[in-house]
Amino acid sequence: MSADTDTQITTVYRVTGMTCGHCEGAVTTELSALAGVTSVKAVAATGEVTVVSAAPLDEAAVRAAVDEAGYEFAGQA
């Protein structure tokens, strides 16, 4: 039995256009503002953004947050 009783959901998304740490920060800031998000890890080198949330996220909300950051949402990885 797992000691972790939280029901966290981890989803990996593809985001194009990130090239540096500043890009990662911009995407992280926008996605972190979504309701239920507990952690975000953006990696420019792979174009992957790992989001941990309390419940499944609305893909349109994720797309809007990435767009607001100035990058292109390419769906789930």
N, C-alpha and C. Protein backbone atom coordinates (compact mmCIF):
# COMPACT_ATOMS: atom_id res chain seq x y z
N MET A 1 0.84 -1.18 0.00
CA MET A 1 0.00 0.00 0.00
C MET A 1 0.89 1.25 0.00
N SER A 2 0.54 2.20 -0.81
CA SER A 2 1.33 3.43 -0.94
C SER A 2 1.11 4.34 0.25
N ALA A 3 2.17 4.97 0.71
CA ALA A 3 2.08 5.93 1.80
C ALA A 3 1.45 7.24 1.32
N ASP A 4 1.47 7.45 0.02
CA ASP A 4 0.91 8.66 -0.57
C ASP A 4 -0.58 8.45 -0.82
N THR A 5 -1.41 9.14 -0.04
CA THR A 5 -2.86 8.96 -0.17
C THR A 5 -3.49 10.02 -1.06
N ASP A 6 -2.70 10.97 -1.52
CA ASP A 6 -3.22 12.00 -2.42
C ASP A 6 -3.58 11.38 -3.76
N THR A 7 -4.61 11.91 -4.37
CA THR A 7 -5.00 11.44 -5.70
C THR A 7 -4.56 12.49 -6.72
N GLN A 8 -3.28 12.53 -6.95
CA GLN A 8 -2.71 13.48 -7.90
C GLN A 8 -2.65 12.85 -9.29
N ILE A 9 -2.86 13.66 -10.29
CA ILE A 9 -2.82 13.21 -11.68
C ILE A 9 -1.64 13.89 -12.37
N THR A 10 -0.79 13.11 -12.99
CA THR A 10 0.36 13.65 -13.72
C THR A 10 0.09 13.52 -15.21
N THR A 11 0.19 14.64 -15.91
CA THR A 11 -0.02 14.66 -17.36
C THR A 11 1.16 15.35 -18.01
N VAL A 12 1.65 14.79 -19.10
CA VAL A 12 2.76 15.39 -19.84
C VAL A 12 2.21 15.95 -21.15
N TYR A 13 2.51 17.23 -21.37
CA TYR A 13 2.06 17.92 -22.58
C TYR A 13 3.26 18.29 -23.44
N ARG A 14 3.02 18.45 -24.74
CA ARG A 14 4.05 18.94 -25.66
C ARG A 14 3.78 20.42 -25.92
N VAL A 15 4.83 21.22 -25.78
CA VAL A 15 4.74 22.66 -26.04
C VAL A 15 5.88 23.03 -26.98
N THR A 16 5.55 23.65 -28.11
CA THR A 16 6.60 24.03 -29.05
C THR A 16 6.94 25.51 -28.90
N GLY A 17 8.17 25.83 -29.21
CA GLY A 17 8.63 27.21 -29.17
C GLY A 17 9.50 27.55 -27.97
N MET A 18 9.54 26.68 -26.97
CA MET A 18 10.39 26.96 -25.79
C MET A 18 11.85 26.71 -26.17
N THR A 19 12.71 27.68 -25.83
CA THR A 19 14.12 27.51 -26.17
C THR A 19 15.07 27.72 -24.99
N CYS A 20 14.56 28.22 -23.86
CA CYS A 20 15.46 28.56 -22.76
C CYS A 20 14.74 28.53 -21.41
N GLY A 21 15.48 28.84 -20.38
CA GLY A 21 14.92 28.88 -19.03
C GLY A 21 13.81 29.90 -18.87
N HIS A 22 13.93 31.02 -19.55
CA HIS A 22 12.88 32.05 -19.48
C HIS A 22 11.58 31.48 -20.04
N CYS A 23 11.68 30.75 -21.15
CA CYS A 23 10.50 30.12 -21.76
C CYS A 23 9.86 29.15 -20.78
N GLU A 24 10.69 28.32 -20.15
CA GLU A 24 10.18 27.37 -19.17
C GLU A 24 9.45 28.08 -18.05
N GLY A 25 10.01 29.19 -17.59
CA GLY A 25 9.39 29.95 -16.51
C GLY A 25 8.06 30.55 -16.90
N ALA A 26 7.97 31.06 -18.12
CA ALA A 26 6.72 31.66 -18.59
C ALA A 26 5.61 30.62 -18.66
N VAL A 27 5.92 29.45 -19.21
CA VAL A 27 4.93 28.38 -19.31
C VAL A 27 4.55 27.88 -17.92
N THR A 28 5.54 27.72 -17.05
CA THR A 28 5.29 27.25 -15.69
C THR A 28 4.38 28.21 -14.95
N THR A 29 4.63 29.51 -15.06
CA THR A 29 3.82 30.52 -14.38
C THR A 29 2.37 30.45 -14.82
N GLU A 30 2.13 30.38 -16.12
CA GLU A 30 0.76 30.36 -16.63
C GLU A 30 0.03 29.08 -16.23
N LEU A 31 0.70 27.93 -16.36
CA LEU A 31 0.03 26.67 -16.03
C LEU A 31 -0.17 26.53 -14.52
N SER A 32 0.73 27.07 -13.72
CA SER A 32 0.60 27.00 -12.27
C SER A 32 -0.63 27.76 -11.79
N ALA A 33 -1.09 28.73 -12.57
CA ALA A 33 -2.24 29.55 -12.19
C ALA A 33 -3.57 28.82 -12.39
N LEU A 34 -3.55 27.69 -13.10
CA LEU A 34 -4.79 26.94 -13.33
C LEU A 34 -5.26 26.29 -12.03
N ALA A 35 -6.56 26.29 -11.82
CA ALA A 35 -7.13 25.69 -10.61
C ALA A 35 -6.79 24.21 -10.52
N GLY A 36 -6.33 23.77 -9.37
CA GLY A 36 -6.03 22.37 -9.13
C GLY A 36 -4.60 21.95 -9.43
N VAL A 37 -3.83 22.83 -10.10
CA VAL A 37 -2.45 22.48 -10.45
C VAL A 37 -1.57 22.60 -9.20
N THR A 38 -0.83 21.53 -8.91
CA THR A 38 0.04 21.53 -7.74
C THR A 38 1.52 21.63 -8.10
N SER A 39 1.88 21.27 -9.34
CA SER A 39 3.27 21.41 -9.75
C SER A 39 3.38 21.39 -11.27
N VAL A 40 4.38 22.13 -11.77
CA VAL A 40 4.63 22.19 -13.22
C VAL A 40 6.14 22.12 -13.43
N LYS A 41 6.57 21.30 -14.38
CA LYS A 41 7.98 21.22 -14.75
C LYS A 41 8.08 21.29 -16.26
N ALA A 42 8.56 22.41 -16.76
CA ALA A 42 8.73 22.60 -18.20
C ALA A 42 10.19 22.37 -18.57
N VAL A 43 10.43 21.65 -19.67
CA VAL A 43 11.79 21.38 -20.13
C VAL A 43 11.89 21.82 -21.59
N ALA A 44 12.57 22.93 -21.82
CA ALA A 44 12.69 23.49 -23.17
C ALA A 44 13.37 22.51 -24.13
N ALA A 45 14.39 21.80 -23.65
CA ALA A 45 15.16 20.91 -24.51
C ALA A 45 14.30 19.81 -25.14
N THR A 46 13.28 19.35 -24.42
CA THR A 46 12.43 18.27 -24.93
C THR A 46 11.07 18.77 -25.40
N GLY A 47 10.72 19.99 -24.99
CA GLY A 47 9.41 20.52 -25.33
C GLY A 47 8.29 19.90 -24.51
N GLU A 48 8.68 19.24 -23.42
CA GLU A 48 7.68 18.58 -22.59
C GLU A 48 7.42 19.38 -21.32
N VAL A 49 6.15 19.40 -20.93
CA VAL A 49 5.74 20.07 -19.70
C VAL A 49 4.95 19.05 -18.88
N THR A 50 5.45 18.74 -17.69
CA THR A 50 4.79 17.79 -16.81
C THR A 50 3.97 18.58 -15.80
N VAL A 51 2.68 18.29 -15.75
CA VAL A 51 1.77 19.00 -14.86
C VAL A 51 1.15 17.99 -13.89
N VAL A 52 1.23 18.31 -12.60
CA VAL A 52 0.59 17.49 -11.58
C VAL A 52 -0.60 18.29 -11.06
N SER A 53 -1.77 17.64 -11.04
CA SER A 53 -2.99 18.33 -10.62
C SER A 53 -3.86 17.42 -9.77
N ALA A 54 -4.77 18.06 -9.04
CA ALA A 54 -5.67 17.32 -8.16
C ALA A 54 -6.76 16.61 -8.94
N ALA A 55 -7.06 17.09 -10.12
CA ALA A 55 -8.10 16.50 -10.98
C ALA A 55 -7.68 16.68 -12.42
N PRO A 56 -8.31 15.93 -13.34
CA PRO A 56 -7.96 16.11 -14.76
C PRO A 56 -8.20 17.56 -15.18
N LEU A 57 -7.28 18.07 -15.98
CA LEU A 57 -7.39 19.45 -16.45
C LEU A 57 -8.14 19.53 -17.77
N ASP A 58 -8.85 20.62 -17.94
CA ASP A 58 -9.54 20.88 -19.20
C ASP A 58 -8.48 21.24 -20.24
N GLU A 59 -8.42 20.49 -21.33
CA GLU A 59 -7.38 20.72 -22.33
C GLU A 59 -7.47 22.13 -22.92
N ALA A 60 -8.67 22.66 -23.05
CA ALA A 60 -8.82 24.03 -23.57
C ALA A 60 -8.17 25.04 -22.63
N ALA A 61 -8.27 24.80 -21.33
CA ALA A 61 -7.66 25.71 -20.35
C ALA A 61 -6.14 25.62 -20.41
N VAL A 62 -5.63 24.41 -20.60
CA VAL A 62 -4.18 24.22 -20.73
C VAL A 62 -3.69 24.92 -22.00
N ARG A 63 -4.42 24.73 -23.10
CA ARG A 63 -4.07 25.37 -24.36
C ARG A 63 -4.05 26.89 -24.21
N ALA A 64 -5.06 27.44 -23.54
CA ALA A 64 -5.16 28.89 -23.35
C ALA A 64 -4.00 29.41 -22.50
N ALA A 65 -3.62 28.67 -21.47
CA ALA A 65 -2.51 29.09 -20.60
C ALA A 65 -1.19 29.09 -21.38
N VAL A 66 -0.96 28.07 -22.18
CA VAL A 66 0.26 27.99 -22.98
C VAL A 66 0.27 29.13 -24.01
N ASP A 67 -0.88 29.38 -24.61
CA ASP A 67 -1.00 30.48 -25.58
C ASP A 67 -0.70 31.82 -24.91
N GLU A 68 -1.23 32.01 -23.71
CA GLU A 68 -1.00 33.26 -22.95
C GLU A 68 0.49 33.45 -22.67
N ALA A 69 1.20 32.34 -22.47
CA ALA A 69 2.65 32.41 -22.22
C ALA A 69 3.42 32.72 -23.50
N GLY A 70 2.76 32.57 -24.66
CA GLY A 70 3.41 32.89 -25.92
C GLY A 70 3.97 31.69 -26.67
N TYR A 71 3.48 30.49 -26.33
CA TYR A 71 3.99 29.28 -26.96
C TYR A 71 2.84 28.48 -27.55
N GLU A 72 3.17 27.40 -28.26
CA GLU A 72 2.14 26.62 -28.93
C GLU A 72 1.93 25.28 -28.25
N PHE A 73 0.69 25.04 -27.88
CA PHE A 73 0.28 23.79 -27.26
C PHE A 73 0.16 22.73 -28.35
N ALA A 74 0.83 21.59 -28.17
CA ALA A 74 0.81 20.56 -29.21
C ALA A 74 0.15 19.27 -28.73
N GLY A 75 -0.59 19.32 -27.63
CA GLY A 75 -1.31 18.16 -27.13
C GLY A 75 -0.52 17.38 -26.08
N GLN A 76 -1.10 16.25 -25.70
CA GLN A 76 -0.43 15.40 -24.71
C GLN A 76 0.73 14.67 -25.36
N ALA A 77 1.78 14.48 -24.59
CA ALA A 77 2.98 13.79 -25.08
C ALA A 77 2.76 12.29 -25.07
